[in-house]
Amino acid sequence: KGSFPNARCFAGHNGPKPVTVWCSNDYLAMG
């Protein structure tokens, strides 16, 4: 929250890692 398009990805086994989201349809970050 407050830092879109940054997110945490839980894929894999090393805990959440930071990712940049490039395909969200929250086009204007109004969410």
Full PDB file with SEQRES, HELIX, SHEET, SSBOND, CRYST1, ORIGX, SCALE, CONECT and MASTER records, all heavy atoms in Angstrom:
SEQRES   1 A   31  LYS GLY SER PHE PRO ASN ALA ARG CYS PHE ALA GLY HIS          
SEQRES   2 A   31  ASN GLY PRO LYS PRO VAL THR VAL TRP CYS SER ASN ASP          
SEQRES   3 A   31  TYR LEU ALA MET GLY                                          
SHEET    1 AA1 2 ASN A   6  CYS A   9  0                                        
SHEET    2 AA1 2 LYS A  17  THR A  20 -1                                        
CRYST1    1.000    1.000    1.000  90.00  90.00  90.00 P 1           1          
ORIGX1      1.000000  0.000000  0.000000        0.00000                         
ORIGX2      0.000000  1.000000  0.000000        0.00000                         
ORIGX3      0.000000  0.000000  1.000000        0.00000                         
SCALE1      1.000000  0.000000  0.000000        0.00000                         
SCALE2      0.000000  1.000000  0.000000        0.00000                         
SCALE3      0.000000  0.000000  1.000000        0.00000                         
ATOM      1  N   LYS A   1       0.831  -1.207   0.000  1.00  0.00           N  
ATOM      2  CA  LYS A   1       0.000   0.000   0.000  1.00  0.00           C  
ATOM      3  C   LYS A   1       0.868   1.260   0.000  1.00  0.00           C  
ATOM      4  O   LYS A   1       1.776   1.402   0.796  1.00  0.00           O  
ATOM      5  CB  LYS A   1      -0.920   0.021   1.224  1.00  0.00           C  
ATOM      6  CG  LYS A   1      -1.939   1.154   1.196  1.00  0.00           C  
ATOM      7  CD  LYS A   1      -2.758   1.231   2.472  1.00  0.00           C  
ATOM      8  CE  LYS A   1      -1.988   1.957   3.561  1.00  0.00           C  
ATOM      9  NZ  LYS A   1      -2.837   2.291   4.722  1.00  0.00           N  
ATOM     10  N   GLY A   2       0.550   2.143  -0.938  1.00  0.00           N  
ATOM     11  CA  GLY A   2       1.254   3.411  -1.001  1.00  0.00           C  
ATOM     12  C   GLY A   2       2.524   3.396  -1.819  1.00  0.00           C  
ATOM     13  O   GLY A   2       3.143   4.451  -2.015  1.00  0.00           O  
ATOM     14  N   SER A   3       2.923   2.225  -2.332  1.00  0.00           N  
ATOM     15  CA  SER A   3       4.154   2.180  -3.132  1.00  0.00           C  
ATOM     16  C   SER A   3       3.970   1.371  -4.414  1.00  0.00           C  
ATOM     17  O   SER A   3       4.902   0.732  -4.893  1.00  0.00           O  
ATOM     18  CB  SER A   3       5.315   1.610  -2.317  1.00  0.00           C  
ATOM     19  OG  SER A   3       5.045   0.277  -1.919  1.00  0.00           O  
ATOM     20  N   PHE A   4       2.745   1.359  -4.952  1.00  0.00           N  
ATOM     21  CA  PHE A   4       2.493   0.697  -6.236  1.00  0.00           C  
ATOM     22  C   PHE A   4       3.411   1.313  -7.294  1.00  0.00           C  
ATOM     23  O   PHE A   4       3.620   2.526  -7.288  1.00  0.00           O  
ATOM     24  CB  PHE A   4       1.021   0.906  -6.627  1.00  0.00           C  
ATOM     25  CG  PHE A   4       0.605   0.181  -7.869  1.00  0.00           C  
ATOM     26  CD1 PHE A   4       0.345  -1.167  -7.838  1.00  0.00           C  
ATOM     27  CD2 PHE A   4       0.483   0.853  -9.072  1.00  0.00           C  
ATOM     28  CE1 PHE A   4      -0.046  -1.841  -8.994  1.00  0.00           C  
ATOM     29  CE2 PHE A   4       0.107   0.183 -10.221  1.00  0.00           C  
ATOM     30  CZ  PHE A   4      -0.160  -1.157 -10.175  1.00  0.00           C  
ATOM     31  N   PRO A   5       4.034   0.522  -8.185  1.00  0.00           N  
ATOM     32  CA  PRO A   5       3.763  -0.881  -8.537  1.00  0.00           C  
ATOM     33  C   PRO A   5       4.626  -1.912  -7.807  1.00  0.00           C  
ATOM     34  O   PRO A   5       4.849  -2.996  -8.324  1.00  0.00           O  
ATOM     35  CB  PRO A   5       4.069  -0.890 -10.030  1.00  0.00           C  
ATOM     36  CG  PRO A   5       5.220   0.071 -10.157  1.00  0.00           C  
ATOM     37  CD  PRO A   5       4.929   1.160  -9.161  1.00  0.00           C  
ATOM     38  N   ASN A   6       5.151  -1.556  -6.649  1.00  0.00           N  
ATOM     39  CA  ASN A   6       5.946  -2.510  -5.886  1.00  0.00           C  
ATOM     40  C   ASN A   6       5.047  -3.490  -5.145  1.00  0.00           C  
ATOM     41  O   ASN A   6       3.982  -3.127  -4.649  1.00  0.00           O  
ATOM     42  CB  ASN A   6       6.836  -1.761  -4.890  1.00  0.00           C  
ATOM     43  CG  ASN A   6       7.819  -0.841  -5.592  1.00  0.00           C  
ATOM     44  OD1 ASN A   6       8.557  -1.279  -6.466  1.00  0.00           O  
ATOM     45  ND2 ASN A   6       7.819   0.422  -5.226  1.00  0.00           N  
ATOM     46  N   ALA A   7       5.507  -4.745  -5.088  1.00  0.00           N  
ATOM     47  CA  ALA A   7       4.734  -5.795  -4.427  1.00  0.00           C  
ATOM     48  C   ALA A   7       5.683  -6.831  -3.846  1.00  0.00           C  
ATOM     49  O   ALA A   7       6.902  -6.778  -4.066  1.00  0.00           O  
ATOM     50  CB  ALA A   7       3.765  -6.443  -5.412  1.00  0.00           C  
ATOM     51  N   ARG A   8       5.111  -7.768  -3.094  1.00  0.00           N  
ATOM     52  CA  ARG A   8       5.861  -8.890  -2.541  1.00  0.00           C  
ATOM     53  C   ARG A   8       5.388 -10.168  -3.207  1.00  0.00           C  
ATOM     54  O   ARG A   8       4.189 -10.433  -3.246  1.00  0.00           O  
ATOM     55  CB  ARG A   8       5.643  -8.985  -1.035  1.00  0.00           C  
ATOM     56  CG  ARG A   8       6.242  -7.859  -0.209  1.00  0.00           C  
ATOM     57  CD  ARG A   8       5.501  -7.696   1.112  1.00  0.00           C  
ATOM     58  NE  ARG A   8       4.234  -6.992   0.937  1.00  0.00           N  
ATOM     59  CZ  ARG A   8       3.269  -6.966   1.863  1.00  0.00           C  
ATOM     60  NH1 ARG A   8       3.411  -7.628   2.995  1.00  0.00           N  
ATOM     61  NH2 ARG A   8       2.162  -6.295   1.637  1.00  0.00           N  
ATOM     62  N   CYS A   9       6.333 -10.952  -3.705  1.00  0.00           N  
ATOM     63  CA  CYS A   9       6.007 -12.207  -4.378  1.00  0.00           C  
ATOM     64  C   CYS A   9       6.337 -13.373  -3.467  1.00  0.00           C  
ATOM     65  O   CYS A   9       7.443 -13.449  -2.910  1.00  0.00           O  
ATOM     66  CB  CYS A   9       6.779 -12.316  -5.688  1.00  0.00           C  
ATOM     67  SG  CYS A   9       6.515 -13.872  -6.558  1.00  0.00           S  
ATOM     68  N   PHE A  10       5.387 -14.305  -3.322  1.00  0.00           N  
ATOM     69  CA  PHE A  10       5.559 -15.444  -2.423  1.00  0.00           C  
ATOM     70  C   PHE A  10       5.901 -16.725  -3.169  1.00  0.00           C  
ATOM     71  O   PHE A  10       5.892 -17.804  -2.581  1.00  0.00           O  
ATOM     72  CB  PHE A  10       4.291 -15.645  -1.592  1.00  0.00           C  
ATOM     73  CG  PHE A  10       4.083 -14.565  -0.562  1.00  0.00           C  
ATOM     74  CD1 PHE A  10       3.528 -13.346  -0.925  1.00  0.00           C  
ATOM     75  CD2 PHE A  10       4.452 -14.752   0.754  1.00  0.00           C  
ATOM     76  CE1 PHE A  10       3.341 -12.341   0.011  1.00  0.00           C  
ATOM     77  CE2 PHE A  10       4.276 -13.766   1.697  1.00  0.00           C  
ATOM     78  CZ  PHE A  10       3.715 -12.547   1.333  1.00  0.00           C  
ATOM     79  N   ALA A  11       6.181 -16.632  -4.456  1.00  0.00           N  
ATOM     80  CA  ALA A  11       6.586 -17.820  -5.208  1.00  0.00           C  
ATOM     81  C   ALA A  11       7.980 -18.261  -4.756  1.00  0.00           C  
ATOM     82  O   ALA A  11       8.827 -17.442  -4.437  1.00  0.00           O  
ATOM     83  CB  ALA A  11       6.578 -17.518  -6.702  1.00  0.00           C  
ATOM     84  N   GLY A  12       8.235 -19.559  -4.739  1.00  0.00           N  
ATOM     85  CA  GLY A  12       9.535 -20.060  -4.312  1.00  0.00           C  
ATOM     86  C   GLY A  12       9.551 -20.385  -2.833  1.00  0.00           C  
ATOM     87  O   GLY A  12       8.525 -20.380  -2.153  1.00  0.00           O  
ATOM     88  N   HIS A  13      10.742 -20.636  -2.310  1.00  0.00           N  
ATOM     89  CA  HIS A  13      10.855 -21.148  -0.942  1.00  0.00           C  
ATOM     90  C   HIS A  13      11.664 -20.238  -0.033  1.00  0.00           C  
ATOM     91  O   HIS A  13      11.992 -20.614   1.084  1.00  0.00           O  
ATOM     92  CB  HIS A  13      11.502 -22.546  -0.962  1.00  0.00           C  
ATOM     93  CG  HIS A  13      10.760 -23.523  -1.821  1.00  0.00           C  
ATOM     94  ND1 HIS A  13       9.559 -24.075  -1.452  1.00  0.00           N  
ATOM     95  CD2 HIS A  13      11.039 -24.025  -3.055  1.00  0.00           C  
ATOM     96  CE1 HIS A  13       9.132 -24.893  -2.403  1.00  0.00           C  
ATOM     97  NE2 HIS A  13      10.006 -24.883  -3.395  1.00  0.00           N  
ATOM     98  N   ASN A  14      11.990 -19.052  -0.476  1.00  0.00           N  
ATOM     99  CA  ASN A  14      12.835 -18.174   0.328  1.00  0.00           C  
ATOM    100  C   ASN A  14      12.060 -16.994   0.904  1.00  0.00           C  
ATOM    101  O   ASN A  14      12.630 -15.957   1.217  1.00  0.00           O  
ATOM    102  CB  ASN A  14      14.008 -17.655  -0.527  1.00  0.00           C  
ATOM    103  CG  ASN A  14      14.896 -18.784  -1.010  1.00  0.00           C  
ATOM    104  OD1 ASN A  14      15.185 -19.704  -0.246  1.00  0.00           O  
ATOM    105  ND2 ASN A  14      15.316 -18.731  -2.266  1.00  0.00           N  
ATOM    106  N   GLY A  15      10.750 -17.166   1.044  1.00  0.00           N  
ATOM    107  CA  GLY A  15       9.953 -16.087   1.596  1.00  0.00           C  
ATOM    108  C   GLY A  15       9.640 -15.040   0.552  1.00  0.00           C  
ATOM    109  O   GLY A  15      10.086 -15.118  -0.599  1.00  0.00           O  
ATOM    110  N   PRO A  16       8.872 -14.009   0.918  1.00  0.00           N  
ATOM    111  CA  PRO A  16       8.495 -12.995  -0.071  1.00  0.00           C  
ATOM    112  C   PRO A  16       9.695 -12.181  -0.543  1.00  0.00           C  
ATOM    113  O   PRO A  16      10.590 -11.848   0.233  1.00  0.00           O  
ATOM    114  CB  PRO A  16       7.503 -12.112   0.705  1.00  0.00           C  
ATOM    115  CG  PRO A  16       7.838 -12.324   2.146  1.00  0.00           C  
ATOM    116  CD  PRO A  16       8.298 -13.744   2.254  1.00  0.00           C  
ATOM    117  N   LYS A  17       9.703 -11.894  -1.840  1.00  0.00           N  
ATOM    118  CA  LYS A  17      10.756 -11.041  -2.387  1.00  0.00           C  
ATOM    119  C   LYS A  17      10.112  -9.892  -3.148  1.00  0.00           C  
ATOM    120  O   LYS A  17       8.996 -10.020  -3.681  1.00  0.00           O  
ATOM    121  CB  LYS A  17      11.693 -11.838  -3.292  1.00  0.00           C  
ATOM    122  CG  LYS A  17      11.105 -12.264  -4.619  1.00  0.00           C  
ATOM    123  CD  LYS A  17      12.189 -12.874  -5.504  1.00  0.00           C  
ATOM    124  CE  LYS A  17      11.661 -13.138  -6.921  1.00  0.00           C  
ATOM    125  NZ  LYS A  17      12.715 -13.638  -7.816  1.00  0.00           N  
ATOM    126  N   PRO A  18      10.785  -8.747  -3.226  1.00  0.00           N  
ATOM    127  CA  PRO A  18      10.186  -7.589  -3.894  1.00  0.00           C  
ATOM    128  C   PRO A  18      10.117  -7.767  -5.404  1.00  0.00           C  
ATOM    129  O   PRO A  18      11.043  -8.290  -6.025  1.00  0.00           O  
ATOM    130  CB  PRO A  18      11.130  -6.441  -3.509  1.00  0.00           C  
ATOM    131  CG  PRO A  18      12.435  -7.102  -3.199  1.00  0.00           C  
ATOM    132  CD  PRO A  18      12.097  -8.440  -2.633  1.00  0.00           C  
ATOM    133  N   VAL A  19       9.011  -7.363  -5.994  1.00  0.00           N  
ATOM    134  CA  VAL A  19       8.843  -7.394  -7.447  1.00  0.00           C  
ATOM    135  C   VAL A  19       8.183  -6.100  -7.899  1.00  0.00           C  
ATOM    136  O   VAL A  19       7.547  -5.395  -7.113  1.00  0.00           O  
ATOM    137  CB  VAL A  19       7.984  -8.600  -7.907  1.00  0.00           C  
ATOM    138  CG1 VAL A  19       8.662  -9.914  -7.583  1.00  0.00           C  
ATOM    139  CG2 VAL A  19       6.586  -8.533  -7.313  1.00  0.00           C  
ATOM    140  N   THR A  20       8.359  -5.801  -9.183  1.00  0.00           N  
ATOM    141  CA  THR A  20       7.665  -4.681  -9.818  1.00  0.00           C  
ATOM    142  C   THR A  20       6.562  -5.248 -10.696  1.00  0.00           C  
ATOM    143  O   THR A  20       6.820  -6.112 -11.536  1.00  0.00           O  
ATOM    144  CB  THR A  20       8.636  -3.841 -10.677  1.00  0.00           C  
ATOM    145  OG1 THR A  20       9.719  -3.395  -9.859  1.00  0.00           O  
ATOM    146  CG2 THR A  20       7.921  -2.639 -11.275  1.00  0.00           C  
ATOM    147  N   VAL A  21       5.346  -4.758 -10.504  1.00  0.00           N  
ATOM    148  CA  VAL A  21       4.184  -5.261 -11.243  1.00  0.00           C  
ATOM    149  C   VAL A  21       4.040  -4.462 -12.541  1.00  0.00           C  
ATOM    150  O   VAL A  21       3.936  -3.231 -12.523  1.00  0.00           O  
ATOM    151  CB  VAL A  21       2.903  -5.136 -10.400  1.00  0.00           C  
ATOM    152  CG1 VAL A  21       1.691  -5.596 -11.199  1.00  0.00           C  
ATOM    153  CG2 VAL A  21       3.034  -5.945  -9.115  1.00  0.00           C  
ATOM    154  N   TRP A  22       4.005  -5.186 -13.678  1.00  0.00           N  
ATOM    155  CA  TRP A  22       3.918  -4.539 -14.989  1.00  0.00           C  
ATOM    156  C   TRP A  22       2.642  -4.871 -15.754  1.00  0.00           C  
ATOM    157  O   TRP A  22       2.474  -4.426 -16.885  1.00  0.00           O  
ATOM    158  CB  TRP A  22       5.126  -4.942 -15.848  1.00  0.00           C  
ATOM    159  CG  TRP A  22       6.359  -4.173 -15.511  1.00  0.00           C  
ATOM    160  CD1 TRP A  22       7.429  -4.595 -14.782  1.00  0.00           C  
ATOM    161  CD2 TRP A  22       6.642  -2.821 -15.877  1.00  0.00           C  
ATOM    162  NE1 TRP A  22       8.364  -3.596 -14.671  1.00  0.00           N  
ATOM    163  CE2 TRP A  22       7.908  -2.495 -15.338  1.00  0.00           C  
ATOM    164  CE3 TRP A  22       5.957  -1.848 -16.609  1.00  0.00           C  
ATOM    165  CZ2 TRP A  22       8.502  -1.247 -15.510  1.00  0.00           C  
ATOM    166  CZ3 TRP A  22       6.536  -0.604 -16.788  1.00  0.00           C  
ATOM    167  CH2 TRP A  22       7.801  -0.308 -16.238  1.00  0.00           C  
ATOM    168  N   CYS A  23       1.751  -5.668 -15.167  1.00  0.00           N  
ATOM    169  CA  CYS A  23       0.584  -6.102 -15.934  1.00  0.00           C  
ATOM    170  C   CYS A  23      -0.729  -5.874 -15.191  1.00  0.00           C  
ATOM    171  O   CYS A  23      -1.754  -6.416 -15.580  1.00  0.00           O  
ATOM    172  CB  CYS A  23       0.717  -7.564 -16.319  1.00  0.00           C  
ATOM    173  SG  CYS A  23       0.970  -8.680 -14.921  1.00  0.00           S  
ATOM    174  N   SER A  24      -0.710  -5.073 -14.148  1.00  0.00           N  
ATOM    175  CA  SER A  24      -1.943  -4.851 -13.394  1.00  0.00           C  
ATOM    176  C   SER A  24      -2.918  -4.006 -14.200  1.00  0.00           C  
ATOM    177  O   SER A  24      -2.526  -3.074 -14.908  1.00  0.00           O  
ATOM    178  CB  SER A  24      -1.636  -4.150 -12.070  1.00  0.00           C  
ATOM    179  OG  SER A  24      -2.833  -3.790 -11.409  1.00  0.00           O  
ATOM    180  N   ASN A  25      -4.207  -4.334 -14.084  1.00  0.00           N  
ATOM    181  CA  ASN A  25      -5.240  -3.496 -14.693  1.00  0.00           C  
ATOM    182  C   ASN A  25      -5.726  -2.399 -13.749  1.00  0.00           C  
ATOM    183  O   ASN A  25      -6.684  -1.686 -14.063  1.00  0.00           O  
ATOM    184  CB  ASN A  25      -6.416  -4.350 -15.155  1.00  0.00           C  
ATOM    185  CG  ASN A  25      -6.125  -5.060 -16.469  1.00  0.00           C  
ATOM    186  OD1 ASN A  25      -5.212  -4.693 -17.194  1.00  0.00           O  
ATOM    187  ND2 ASN A  25      -6.887  -6.094 -16.761  1.00  0.00           N  
ATOM    188  N   ASP A  26      -5.081  -2.266 -12.588  1.00  0.00           N  
ATOM    189  CA  ASP A  26      -5.294  -1.091 -11.737  1.00  0.00           C  
ATOM    190  C   ASP A  26      -4.490   0.033 -12.392  1.00  0.00           C  
ATOM    191  O   ASP A  26      -3.474   0.503 -11.879  1.00  0.00           O  
ATOM    192  CB  ASP A  26      -4.817  -1.377 -10.310  1.00  0.00           C  
ATOM    193  CG  ASP A  26      -5.169  -0.262  -9.330  1.00  0.00           C  
ATOM    194  OD1 ASP A  26      -5.741   0.763  -9.772  1.00  0.00           O  
ATOM    195  OD2 ASP A  26      -4.862  -0.397  -8.139  1.00  0.00           O  
ATOM    196  N   TYR A  27      -4.973   0.430 -13.575  1.00  0.00           N  
ATOM    197  CA  TYR A  27      -4.198   1.235 -14.505  1.00  0.00           C  
ATOM    198  C   TYR A  27      -3.653   2.531 -13.915  1.00  0.00           C  
ATOM    199  O   TYR A  27      -2.549   2.966 -14.231  1.00  0.00           O  
ATOM    200  CB  TYR A  27      -5.064   1.597 -15.717  1.00  0.00           C  
ATOM    201  CG  TYR A  27      -5.364   0.467 -16.649  1.00  0.00           C  
ATOM    202  CD1 TYR A  27      -6.678   0.151 -16.990  1.00  0.00           C  
ATOM    203  CD2 TYR A  27      -4.351  -0.287 -17.238  1.00  0.00           C  
ATOM    204  CE1 TYR A  27      -6.974  -0.869 -17.878  1.00  0.00           C  
ATOM    205  CE2 TYR A  27      -4.634  -1.311 -18.123  1.00  0.00           C  
ATOM    206  CZ  TYR A  27      -5.946  -1.599 -18.443  1.00  0.00           C  
ATOM    207  OH  TYR A  27      -6.229  -2.614 -19.322  1.00  0.00           O  
ATOM    208  N   LEU A  28      -4.439   3.191 -13.078  1.00  0.00           N  
ATOM    209  CA  LEU A  28      -4.079   4.505 -12.559  1.00  0.00           C  
ATOM    210  C   LEU A  28      -3.663   4.457 -11.093  1.00  0.00           C  
ATOM    211  O   LEU A  28      -3.507   5.502 -10.460  1.00  0.00           O  
ATOM    212  CB  LEU A  28      -5.247   5.486 -12.738  1.00  0.00           C  
ATOM    213  CG  LEU A  28      -5.773   5.647 -14.169  1.00  0.00           C  
ATOM    214  CD1 LEU A  28      -6.938   6.626 -14.199  1.00  0.00           C  
ATOM    215  CD2 LEU A  28      -4.663   6.105 -15.117  1.00  0.00           C  
ATOM    216  N   ALA A  29      -3.495   3.248 -10.567  1.00  0.00           N  
ATOM    217  CA  ALA A  29      -3.128   3.037  -9.164  1.00  0.00           C  
ATOM    218  C   ALA A  29      -4.169   3.620  -8.207  1.00  0.00           C  
ATOM    219  O   ALA A  29      -3.843   3.970  -7.072  1.00  0.00           O  
ATOM    220  CB  ALA A  29      -1.739   3.617  -8.860  1.00  0.00           C  
ATOM    221  N   MET A  30      -5.434   3.690  -8.650  1.00  0.00           N  
ATOM    222  CA  MET A  30      -6.482   4.216  -7.776  1.00  0.00           C  
ATOM    223  C   MET A  30      -6.786   3.265  -6.611  1.00  0.00           C  
ATOM    224  O   MET A  30      -7.317   3.687  -5.586  1.00  0.00           O  
ATOM    225  CB  MET A  30      -7.754   4.493  -8.575  1.00  0.00           C  
ATOM    226  CG  MET A  30      -7.647   5.673  -9.531  1.00  0.00           C  
ATOM    227  SD  MET A  30      -7.169   7.219  -8.745  1.00  0.00           S  
ATOM    228  CE  MET A  30      -8.576   7.528  -7.684  1.00  0.00           C  
ATOM    229  N   GLY A  31      -6.443   1.987  -6.767  1.00  0.00           N  
ATOM    230  CA  GLY A  31      -6.597   1.050  -5.666  1.00  0.00           C  
ATOM    231  C   GLY A  31      -5.698   1.386  -4.486  1.00  0.00           C  
ATOM    232  O   GLY A  31      -5.874   0.843  -3.391  1.00  0.00           O  
TER     233      GLY A  31                                                      
MASTER        0    0    0    0    2    0    0    6  232    1    0    3          
END                                                                             
